[in-house]
All heavy atoms as atom14 arrays in JSON, in Angstrom:
{
  "sequence": "IGKWFDVRCINLDKALLYLVCLLDGIVSGDYVV",
  "atom14_mask": [
    [1, 1, 1, 1, 1, 1, 1, 1, 0, 0, 0, 0, 0, 0],
    [1, 1, 1, 1, 0, 0, 0, 0, 0, 0, 0, 0, 0, 0],
    [1, 1, 1, 1, 1, 1, 1, 1, 1, 0, 0, 0, 0, 0],
    [1, 1, 1, 1, 1, 1, 1, 1, 1, 1, 1, 1, 1, 1],
    [1, 1, 1, 1, 1, 1, 1, 1, 1, 1, 1, 0, 0, 0],
    [1, 1, 1, 1, 1, 1, 1, 1, 0, 0, 0, 0, 0, 0],
    [1, 1, 1, 1, 1, 1, 1, 0, 0, 0, 0, 0, 0, 0],
    [1, 1, 1, 1, 1, 1, 1, 1, 1, 1, 1, 0, 0, 0],
    [1, 1, 1, 1, 1, 1, 0, 0, 0, 0, 0, 0, 0, 0],
    [1, 1, 1, 1, 1, 1, 1, 1, 0, 0, 0, 0, 0, 0],
    [1, 1, 1, 1, 1, 1, 1, 1, 0, 0, 0, 0, 0, 0],
    [1, 1, 1, 1, 1, 1, 1, 1, 0, 0, 0, 0, 0, 0],
    [1, 1, 1, 1, 1, 1, 1, 1, 0, 0, 0, 0, 0, 0],
    [1, 1, 1, 1, 1, 1, 1, 1, 1, 0, 0, 0, 0, 0],
    [1, 1, 1, 1, 1, 0, 0, 0, 0, 0, 0, 0, 0, 0],
    [1, 1, 1, 1, 1, 1, 1, 1, 0, 0, 0, 0, 0, 0],
    [1, 1, 1, 1, 1, 1, 1, 1, 0, 0, 0, 0, 0, 0],
    [1, 1, 1, 1, 1, 1, 1, 1, 1, 1, 1, 1, 0, 0],
    [1, 1, 1, 1, 1, 1, 1, 1, 0, 0, 0, 0, 0, 0],
    [1, 1, 1, 1, 1, 1, 1, 0, 0, 0, 0, 0, 0, 0],
    [1, 1, 1, 1, 1, 1, 0, 0, 0, 0, 0, 0, 0, 0],
    [1, 1, 1, 1, 1, 1, 1, 1, 0, 0, 0, 0, 0, 0],
    [1, 1, 1, 1, 1, 1, 1, 1, 0, 0, 0, 0, 0, 0],
    [1, 1, 1, 1, 1, 1, 1, 1, 0, 0, 0, 0, 0, 0],
    [1, 1, 1, 1, 0, 0, 0, 0, 0, 0, 0, 0, 0, 0],
    [1, 1, 1, 1, 1, 1, 1, 1, 0, 0, 0, 0, 0, 0],
    [1, 1, 1, 1, 1, 1, 1, 0, 0, 0, 0, 0, 0, 0],
    [1, 1, 1, 1, 1, 1, 0, 0, 0, 0, 0, 0, 0, 0],
    [1, 1, 1, 1, 0, 0, 0, 0, 0, 0, 0, 0, 0, 0],
    [1, 1, 1, 1, 1, 1, 1, 1, 0, 0, 0, 0, 0, 0],
    [1, 1, 1, 1, 1, 1, 1, 1, 1, 1, 1, 1, 0, 0],
    [1, 1, 1, 1, 1, 1, 1, 0, 0, 0, 0, 0, 0, 0],
    [1, 1, 1, 1, 1, 1, 1, 0, 0, 0, 0, 0, 0, 0]
  ],
  "atom14_positions": [
    [[-96.05, -19.51, 7.12], [-95.6, -20.9, 7.03], [-94.08, -20.89, 6.98], [-93.48, -20.56, 5.94], [-96.17, -21.59, 5.75], [-97.69, -21.43, 5.64], [-95.73, -23.06, 5.71], [-98.49, -22.13, 6.71], [0.0, 0.0, 0.0], [0.0, 0.0, 0.0], [0.0, 0.0, 0.0], [0.0, 0.0, 0.0], [0.0, 0.0, 0.0], [0.0, 0.0, 0.0]],
    [[-93.44, -21.24, 8.08], [-91.98, -21.19, 8.17], [-91.26, -22.06, 7.17], [-90.24, -21.67, 6.61], [0.0, 0.0, 0.0], [0.0, 0.0, 0.0], [0.0, 0.0, 0.0], [0.0, 0.0, 0.0], [0.0, 0.0, 0.0], [0.0, 0.0, 0.0], [0.0, 0.0, 0.0], [0.0, 0.0, 0.0], [0.0, 0.0, 0.0], [0.0, 0.0, 0.0]],
    [[-91.79, -23.23, 6.9], [-91.15, -24.18, 5.97], [-91.02, -23.59, 4.56], [-90.11, -23.93, 3.83], [-91.95, -25.48, 5.93], [-91.37, -26.52, 5.0], [-92.22, -27.78, 4.98], [-91.69, -28.76, 3.95], [-92.49, -29.96, 3.87], [0.0, 0.0, 0.0], [0.0, 0.0, 0.0], [0.0, 0.0, 0.0], [0.0, 0.0, 0.0], [0.0, 0.0, 0.0]],
    [[-91.91, -22.73, 4.19], [-91.9, -22.16, 2.84], [-91.12, -20.85, 2.75], [-91.11, -20.2, 1.72], [-93.32, -21.97, 2.35], [-94.03, -23.27, 2.11], [-93.47, -24.53, 2.05], [-95.41, -23.46, 1.88], [-94.43, -25.47, 1.82], [-95.64, -24.85, 1.69], [-96.49, -22.6, 1.8], [-96.9, -25.38, 1.45], [-97.75, -23.13, 1.56], [-97.94, -24.5, 1.38]],
    [[-90.46, -20.46, 3.85], [-89.65, -19.24, 3.86], [-88.17, -19.67, 3.85], [-87.54, -19.77, 4.88], [-89.97, -18.41, 5.11], [-89.37, -17.04, 5.09], [-89.92, -16.04, 4.31], [-88.25, -16.74, 5.86], [-89.36, -14.76, 4.3], [-87.69, -15.47, 5.85], [-88.25, -14.48, 5.08], [0.0, 0.0, 0.0], [0.0, 0.0, 0.0], [0.0, 0.0, 0.0]],
    [[-87.67, -19.96, 2.67], [-86.3, -20.44, 2.51], [-85.37, -19.25, 2.29], [-85.35, -18.67, 1.21], [-86.22, -21.42, 1.34], [-84.88, -22.13, 1.26], [-83.88, -21.63, 1.8], [-84.84, -23.21, 0.63], [0.0, 0.0, 0.0], [0.0, 0.0, 0.0], [0.0, 0.0, 0.0], [0.0, 0.0, 0.0], [0.0, 0.0, 0.0], [0.0, 0.0, 0.0]],
    [[-84.6, -18.88, 3.32], [-83.76, -17.69, 3.25], [-82.65, -17.82, 2.21], [-82.07, -16.82, 1.8], [-83.17, -17.31, 4.63], [-84.26, -16.91, 5.59], [-82.32, -18.42, 5.2], [0.0, 0.0, 0.0], [0.0, 0.0, 0.0], [0.0, 0.0, 0.0], [0.0, 0.0, 0.0], [0.0, 0.0, 0.0], [0.0, 0.0, 0.0], [0.0, 0.0, 0.0]],
    [[-82.38, -19.02, 1.74], [-81.37, -19.21, 0.7], [-81.9, -18.77, -0.66], [-81.12, -18.43, -1.55], [-80.94, -20.67, 0.61], [-80.34, -21.22, 1.9], [-80.17, -22.71, 1.83], [-81.48, -23.33, 1.59], [-81.68, -24.63, 1.49], [-80.68, -25.47, 1.6], [-82.89, -25.12, 1.29], [0.0, 0.0, 0.0], [0.0, 0.0, 0.0], [0.0, 0.0, 0.0]],
    [[-83.21, -18.77, -0.82], [-83.82, -18.49, -2.13], [-84.63, -17.19, -2.15], [-84.97, -16.71, -3.22], [-84.75, -19.64, -2.52], [-83.98, -21.24, -2.53], [0.0, 0.0, 0.0], [0.0, 0.0, 0.0], [0.0, 0.0, 0.0], [0.0, 0.0, 0.0], [0.0, 0.0, 0.0], [0.0, 0.0, 0.0], [0.0, 0.0, 0.0], [0.0, 0.0, 0.0]],
    [[-84.96, -16.68, -1.01], [-85.84, -15.5, -0.93], [-85.0, -14.24, -0.76], [-84.09, -14.18, 0.07], [-86.84, -15.64, 0.23], [-87.86, -16.72, -0.1], [-87.53, -14.33, 0.54], [-88.9, -16.96, 0.97], [0.0, 0.0, 0.0], [0.0, 0.0, 0.0], [0.0, 0.0, 0.0], [0.0, 0.0, 0.0], [0.0, 0.0, 0.0], [0.0, 0.0, 0.0]],
    [[-85.36, -13.23, -1.52], [-84.75, -11.91, -1.37], [-85.4, -11.26, -0.14], [-86.59, -10.95, -0.16], [-85.01, -11.09, -2.64], [-84.48, -9.69, -2.56], [-84.52, -9.04, -1.51], [-84.01, -9.19, -3.68], [0.0, 0.0, 0.0], [0.0, 0.0, 0.0], [0.0, 0.0, 0.0], [0.0, 0.0, 0.0], [0.0, 0.0, 0.0], [0.0, 0.0, 0.0]],
    [[-84.63, -11.1, 0.93], [-85.19, -10.6, 2.19], [-85.68, -9.16, 2.09], [-86.63, -8.78, 2.79], [-84.18, -10.75, 3.32], [-83.86, -12.2, 3.71], [-82.81, -12.23, 4.81], [-85.1, -12.95, 4.14], [0.0, 0.0, 0.0], [0.0, 0.0, 0.0], [0.0, 0.0, 0.0], [0.0, 0.0, 0.0], [0.0, 0.0, 0.0], [0.0, 0.0, 0.0]],
    [[-85.09, -8.36, 1.21], [-85.59, -7.0, 1.01], [-87.0, -7.03, 0.41], [-87.89, -6.31, 0.84], [-84.65, -6.2, 0.11], [-83.31, -5.92, 0.79], [-83.28, -5.85, 2.04], [-82.3, -5.79, 0.06], [0.0, 0.0, 0.0], [0.0, 0.0, 0.0], [0.0, 0.0, 0.0], [0.0, 0.0, 0.0], [0.0, 0.0, 0.0], [0.0, 0.0, 0.0]],
    [[-87.19, -7.91, -0.57], [-88.52, -8.05, -1.17], [-89.5, -8.68, -0.18], [-90.68, -8.34, -0.18], [-88.45, -8.87, -2.45], [-87.9, -8.1, -3.63], [-88.09, -8.88, -4.91], [-87.72, -8.01, -6.09], [-88.15, -8.59, -7.36], [0.0, 0.0, 0.0], [0.0, 0.0, 0.0], [0.0, 0.0, 0.0], [0.0, 0.0, 0.0], [0.0, 0.0, 0.0]],
    [[-89.01, -9.59, 0.63], [-89.88, -10.21, 1.64], [-90.41, -9.15, 2.6], [-91.58, -9.17, 2.98], [-89.13, -11.3, 2.4], [0.0, 0.0, 0.0], [0.0, 0.0, 0.0], [0.0, 0.0, 0.0], [0.0, 0.0, 0.0], [0.0, 0.0, 0.0], [0.0, 0.0, 0.0], [0.0, 0.0, 0.0], [0.0, 0.0, 0.0], [0.0, 0.0, 0.0]],
    [[-89.55, -8.22, 2.98], [-89.98, -7.13, 3.87], [-91.02, -6.26, 3.17], [-92.04, -5.89, 3.77], [-88.78, -6.3, 4.32], [-89.09, -5.07, 5.15], [-89.88, -5.42, 6.41], [-87.81, -4.34, 5.51], [0.0, 0.0, 0.0], [0.0, 0.0, 0.0], [0.0, 0.0, 0.0], [0.0, 0.0, 0.0], [0.0, 0.0, 0.0], [0.0, 0.0, 0.0]],
    [[-90.79, -5.94, 1.9], [-91.77, -5.14, 1.15], [-93.12, -5.86, 1.08], [-94.17, -5.24, 1.24], [-91.25, -4.86, -0.26], [-90.02, -3.95, -0.38], [-89.58, -3.85, -1.84], [-90.28, -2.58, 0.21], [0.0, 0.0, 0.0], [0.0, 0.0, 0.0], [0.0, 0.0, 0.0], [0.0, 0.0, 0.0], [0.0, 0.0, 0.0], [0.0, 0.0, 0.0]],
    [[-93.08, -7.16, 0.83], [-94.31, -7.95, 0.75], [-95.05, -7.95, 2.09], [-96.26, -7.76, 2.16], [-94.0, -9.38, 0.3], [-95.23, -10.23, 0.15], [-96.13, -10.02, -0.89], [-95.52, -11.24, 1.06], [-97.27, -10.79, -1.03], [-96.66, -12.02, 0.93], [-97.53, -11.79, -0.11], [-98.66, -12.55, -0.24], [0.0, 0.0, 0.0], [0.0, 0.0, 0.0]],
    [[-94.31, -8.14, 3.17], [-94.88, -8.12, 4.52], [-95.59, -6.79, 4.77], [-96.74, -6.76, 5.22], [-93.78, -8.34, 5.56], [-94.18, -8.15, 7.02], [-94.91, -9.39, 7.53], [-92.97, -7.87, 7.87], [0.0, 0.0, 0.0], [0.0, 0.0, 0.0], [0.0, 0.0, 0.0], [0.0, 0.0, 0.0], [0.0, 0.0, 0.0], [0.0, 0.0, 0.0]],
    [[-94.92, -5.7, 4.48], [-95.47, -4.36, 4.72], [-96.73, -4.14, 3.88], [-97.75, -3.68, 4.37], [-94.4, -3.29, 4.44], [-95.0, -1.91, 4.33], [-93.32, -3.32, 5.52], [0.0, 0.0, 0.0], [0.0, 0.0, 0.0], [0.0, 0.0, 0.0], [0.0, 0.0, 0.0], [0.0, 0.0, 0.0], [0.0, 0.0, 0.0], [0.0, 0.0, 0.0]],
    [[-96.66, -4.51, 2.59], [-97.82, -4.3, 1.71], [-99.01, -5.18, 2.1], [-100.14, -4.72, 2.09], [-97.43, -4.58, 0.26], [-96.38, -3.3, -0.43], [0.0, 0.0, 0.0], [0.0, 0.0, 0.0], [0.0, 0.0, 0.0], [0.0, 0.0, 0.0], [0.0, 0.0, 0.0], [0.0, 0.0, 0.0], [0.0, 0.0, 0.0], [0.0, 0.0, 0.0]],
    [[-98.75, -6.43, 2.44], [-99.84, -7.33, 2.83], [-100.5, -6.89, 4.14], [-101.72, -6.89, 4.26], [-99.33, -8.76, 2.97], [-100.38, -9.78, 3.42], [-101.34, -10.11, 2.27], [-99.74, -11.04, 3.93], [0.0, 0.0, 0.0], [0.0, 0.0, 0.0], [0.0, 0.0, 0.0], [0.0, 0.0, 0.0], [0.0, 0.0, 0.0], [0.0, 0.0, 0.0]],
    [[-99.69, -6.52, 5.09], [-100.23, -6.25, 6.42], [-100.71, -4.82, 6.64], [-101.45, -4.57, 7.59], [-99.19, -6.59, 7.49], [-98.82, -8.06, 7.61], [-97.83, -8.26, 8.74], [-100.04, -8.92, 7.82], [0.0, 0.0, 0.0], [0.0, 0.0, 0.0], [0.0, 0.0, 0.0], [0.0, 0.0, 0.0], [0.0, 0.0, 0.0], [0.0, 0.0, 0.0]],
    [[-100.31, -3.89, 5.8], [-100.64, -2.48, 6.06], [-102.13, -2.25, 6.3], [-102.49, -1.58, 7.26], [-100.14, -1.59, 4.92], [-100.33, -0.12, 5.25], [-99.68, 0.35, 6.21], [-101.14, 0.54, 4.58], [0.0, 0.0, 0.0], [0.0, 0.0, 0.0], [0.0, 0.0, 0.0], [0.0, 0.0, 0.0], [0.0, 0.0, 0.0], [0.0, 0.0, 0.0]],
    [[-102.99, -2.79, 5.48], [-104.42, -2.61, 5.67], [-104.98, -3.43, 6.82], [-105.91, -3.02, 7.51], [0.0, 0.0, 0.0], [0.0, 0.0, 0.0], [0.0, 0.0, 0.0], [0.0, 0.0, 0.0], [0.0, 0.0, 0.0], [0.0, 0.0, 0.0], [0.0, 0.0, 0.0], [0.0, 0.0, 0.0], [0.0, 0.0, 0.0], [0.0, 0.0, 0.0]],
    [[-104.4, -4.58, 7.07], [-104.89, -5.48, 8.12], [-104.61, -4.91, 9.51], [-105.47, -4.97, 10.39], [-104.24, -6.87, 7.98], [-104.7, -7.54, 6.68], [-104.55, -7.76, 9.18], [-103.98, -8.83, 6.33], [0.0, 0.0, 0.0], [0.0, 0.0, 0.0], [0.0, 0.0, 0.0], [0.0, 0.0, 0.0], [0.0, 0.0, 0.0], [0.0, 0.0, 0.0]],
    [[-103.43, -4.34, 9.71], [-103.03, -3.92, 11.06], [-103.65, -2.59, 11.5], [-103.38, -2.14, 12.61], [-101.49, -3.85, 11.2], [-100.88, -5.2, 10.91], [-100.89, -2.77, 10.34], [0.0, 0.0, 0.0], [0.0, 0.0, 0.0], [0.0, 0.0, 0.0], [0.0, 0.0, 0.0], [0.0, 0.0, 0.0], [0.0, 0.0, 0.0], [0.0, 0.0, 0.0]],
    [[-104.5, -2.0, 10.67], [-105.18, -0.78, 11.1], [-106.2, -1.09, 12.2], [-106.63, -0.21, 12.93], [-105.84, -0.08, 9.92], [-106.76, -0.95, 9.31], [0.0, 0.0, 0.0], [0.0, 0.0, 0.0], [0.0, 0.0, 0.0], [0.0, 0.0, 0.0], [0.0, 0.0, 0.0], [0.0, 0.0, 0.0], [0.0, 0.0, 0.0], [0.0, 0.0, 0.0]],
    [[-106.55, -2.37, 12.32], [-107.42, -2.85, 13.39], [-106.78, -4.04, 14.07], [-105.65, -4.43, 13.74], [0.0, 0.0, 0.0], [0.0, 0.0, 0.0], [0.0, 0.0, 0.0], [0.0, 0.0, 0.0], [0.0, 0.0, 0.0], [0.0, 0.0, 0.0], [0.0, 0.0, 0.0], [0.0, 0.0, 0.0], [0.0, 0.0, 0.0], [0.0, 0.0, 0.0]],
    [[-107.48, -4.63, 15.01], [-106.95, -5.8, 15.71], [-106.74, -6.97, 14.75], [-107.52, -7.14, 13.79], [-107.92, -6.24, 16.81], [-108.05, -5.21, 17.92], [-107.21, -4.27, 17.97], [-108.97, -5.34, 18.74], [0.0, 0.0, 0.0], [0.0, 0.0, 0.0], [0.0, 0.0, 0.0], [0.0, 0.0, 0.0], [0.0, 0.0, 0.0], [0.0, 0.0, 0.0]],
    [[-105.71, -7.77, 15.01], [-105.42, -8.93, 14.17], [-104.65, -9.97, 14.98], [-104.14, -9.68, 16.07], [-104.64, -8.53, 12.91], [-103.22, -8.08, 13.19], [-102.13, -8.91, 12.9], [-102.95, -6.83, 13.72], [-100.83, -8.5, 13.17], [-101.65, -6.42, 13.98], [-100.6, -7.26, 13.69], [-99.31, -6.85, 13.96], [0.0, 0.0, 0.0], [0.0, 0.0, 0.0]],
    [[-104.55, -11.18, 14.42], [-103.87, -12.31, 15.06], [-102.92, -12.92, 14.03], [-103.24, -12.97, 12.85], [-104.91, -13.36, 15.52], [-104.24, -14.6, 16.05], [-105.84, -12.77, 16.56], [0.0, 0.0, 0.0], [0.0, 0.0, 0.0], [0.0, 0.0, 0.0], [0.0, 0.0, 0.0], [0.0, 0.0, 0.0], [0.0, 0.0, 0.0], [0.0, 0.0, 0.0]],
    [[-101.76, -13.39, 14.5], [-100.8, -14.06, 13.63], [-100.62, -15.5, 14.1], [-100.49, -15.75, 15.3], [-99.43, -13.34, 13.63], [-98.39, -14.13, 12.84], [-99.55, -11.92, 13.1], [0.0, 0.0, 0.0], [0.0, 0.0, 0.0], [0.0, 0.0, 0.0], [0.0, 0.0, 0.0], [0.0, 0.0, 0.0], [0.0, 0.0, 0.0], [0.0, 0.0, 0.0]]
  ]
}
């Protein structure tokens, strides 16, 4: 949800960590974004 990703308030390093942790198990197979 782009509207909820406010770069003024979000730590982008932590956002990257969250992305990697959330998707790591999902991307082992086919997926859609």
